Amino acid sequence: MTTRQNIIQYGEALYGPRFQRELAAALGVNERTMRRWVAGDTSPPNSVLDDLKTLVRERVELLRRLG
């Protein structure tokens, strides 16, 4: 799976189908940059995948505490 595909899948899982604005903010990147990554116009840095995994772990931990 490509980093672009990971961004889309993780973004939708974390924030729903309109994830780009919120995921961009969470990753500290411009929304336009996020749109370019999702469209495949530019490639995200490899470090984005690690950042995505961190966001997912944090969300899972939050949900466990709430449950």
C-alpha atoms as a PDB file:
ATOM      1  CA  MET A   1       0.000   0.000   0.000  1.00  0.00           C
ATOM      2  CA  THR A   2       1.341   3.441  -0.877  1.00  0.00           C
ATOM      3  CA  THR A   3       1.657   6.303   1.586  1.00  0.00           C
ATOM      4  CA  ARG A   4      -1.065   8.098  -0.396  1.00  0.00           C
ATOM      5  CA  GLN A   5      -3.425   5.158   0.094  1.00  0.00           C
ATOM      6  CA  ASN A   6      -2.546   5.071   3.784  1.00  0.00           C
ATOM      7  CA  ILE A   7      -3.333   8.771   4.120  1.00  0.00           C
ATOM      8  CA  ILE A   8      -6.763   8.217   2.597  1.00  0.00           C
ATOM      9  CA  GLN A   9      -7.599   5.126   4.666  1.00  0.00           C
ATOM     10  CA  TYR A  10      -6.281   6.476   7.953  1.00  0.00           C
ATOM     11  CA  GLY A  11      -7.807   9.891   7.310  1.00  0.00           C
ATOM     12  CA  GLU A  12     -11.246   8.446   6.642  1.00  0.00           C
ATOM     13  CA  ALA A  13     -11.017   6.148   9.668  1.00  0.00           C
ATOM     14  CA  LEU A  14      -9.993   9.016  11.951  1.00  0.00           C
ATOM     15  CA  TYR A  15     -12.117  11.871  10.609  1.00  0.00           C
ATOM     16  CA  GLY A  16     -14.674  10.505   8.127  1.00  0.00           C
ATOM     17  CA  PRO A  17     -14.989  11.008   4.378  1.00  0.00           C
ATOM     18  CA  ARG A  18     -14.200  14.743   4.548  1.00  0.00           C
ATOM     19  CA  PHE A  19     -10.977  14.184   6.454  1.00  0.00           C
ATOM     20  CA  GLN A  20      -8.514  16.397   4.613  1.00  0.00           C
ATOM     21  CA  ARG A  21      -8.810  19.604   6.650  1.00  0.00           C
ATOM     22  CA  GLU A  22      -8.696  17.894  10.034  1.00  0.00           C
ATOM     23  CA  LEU A  23      -5.906  15.498   9.095  1.00  0.00           C
ATOM     24  CA  ALA A  24      -3.851  18.349   7.653  1.00  0.00           C
ATOM     25  CA  ALA A  25      -4.212  20.225  10.939  1.00  0.00           C
ATOM     26  CA  ALA A  26      -3.329  17.129  12.979  1.00  0.00           C
ATOM     27  CA  LEU A  27      -0.204  16.570  10.878  1.00  0.00           C
ATOM     28  CA  GLY A  28       0.737  20.249  10.898  1.00  0.00           C
ATOM     29  CA  VAL A  29       0.608  20.681   7.132  1.00  0.00           C
ATOM     30  CA  ASN A  30      -1.242  23.088   4.888  1.00  0.00           C
ATOM     31  CA  GLU A  31      -4.633  21.888   3.669  1.00  0.00           C
ATOM     32  CA  ARG A  32      -3.512  22.470   0.084  1.00  0.00           C
ATOM     33  CA  THR A  33      -0.546  20.155   0.687  1.00  0.00           C
ATOM     34  CA  MET A  34      -2.921  17.485   1.955  1.00  0.00           C
ATOM     35  CA  ARG A  35      -5.104  17.839  -1.136  1.00  0.00           C
ATOM     36  CA  ARG A  36      -2.048  17.417  -3.360  1.00  0.00           C
ATOM     37  CA  TRP A  37      -1.022  14.255  -1.498  1.00  0.00           C
ATOM     38  CA  VAL A  38      -4.515  12.777  -1.739  1.00  0.00           C
ATOM     39  CA  ALA A  39      -4.787  13.630  -5.436  1.00  0.00           C
ATOM     40  CA  GLY A  40      -1.401  12.055  -6.100  1.00  0.00           C
ATOM     41  CA  ASP A  41       0.019  15.312  -7.458  1.00  0.00           C
ATOM     42  CA  THR A  42       2.895  15.248  -4.956  1.00  0.00           C
ATOM     43  CA  SER A  43       4.293  12.565  -2.703  1.00  0.00           C
ATOM     44  CA  PRO A  44       4.225  12.966   1.061  1.00  0.00           C
ATOM     45  CA  PRO A  45       7.433  12.450   2.992  1.00  0.00           C
ATOM     46  CA  ASN A  46       7.954   8.942   4.336  1.00  0.00           C
ATOM     47  CA  SER A  47       7.664  10.272   7.886  1.00  0.00           C
ATOM     48  CA  VAL A  48       3.943  10.903   7.350  1.00  0.00           C
ATOM     49  CA  LEU A  49       3.209   7.208   7.749  1.00  0.00           C
ATOM     50  CA  ASP A  50       4.767   7.212  11.223  1.00  0.00           C
ATOM     51  CA  ASP A  51       2.757  10.307  12.103  1.00  0.00           C
ATOM     52  CA  LEU A  52      -0.444   8.628  10.900  1.00  0.00           C
ATOM     53  CA  LYS A  53       0.252   5.579  13.042  1.00  0.00           C
ATOM     54  CA  THR A  54       0.823   7.827  16.051  1.00  0.00           C
ATOM     55  CA  LEU A  55      -2.521   9.555  15.489  1.00  0.00           C
ATOM     56  CA  VAL A  56      -4.279   6.193  15.297  1.00  0.00           C
ATOM     57  CA  ARG A  57      -2.606   4.922  18.487  1.00  0.00           C
ATOM     58  CA  GLU A  58      -3.639   8.104  20.293  1.00  0.00           C
ATOM     59  CA  ARG A  59      -7.236   7.746  19.101  1.00  0.00           C
ATOM     60  CA  VAL A  60      -7.370   4.086  20.125  1.00  0.00           C
ATOM     61  CA  GLU A  61      -6.053   4.965  23.576  1.00  0.00           C
ATOM     62  CA  LEU A  62      -8.623   7.736  23.956  1.00  0.00           C
ATOM     63  CA  LEU A  63     -11.442   5.393  22.968  1.00  0.00           C
ATOM     64  CA  ARG A  64     -10.231   2.749  25.424  1.00  0.00           C
ATOM     65  CA  ARG A  65     -10.270   5.272  28.256  1.00  0.00           C
ATOM     66  CA  LEU A  66     -13.785   6.345  27.331  1.00  0.00           C
ATOM     67  CA  GLY A  67     -15.058   2.768  27.068  1.00  0.00           C
END
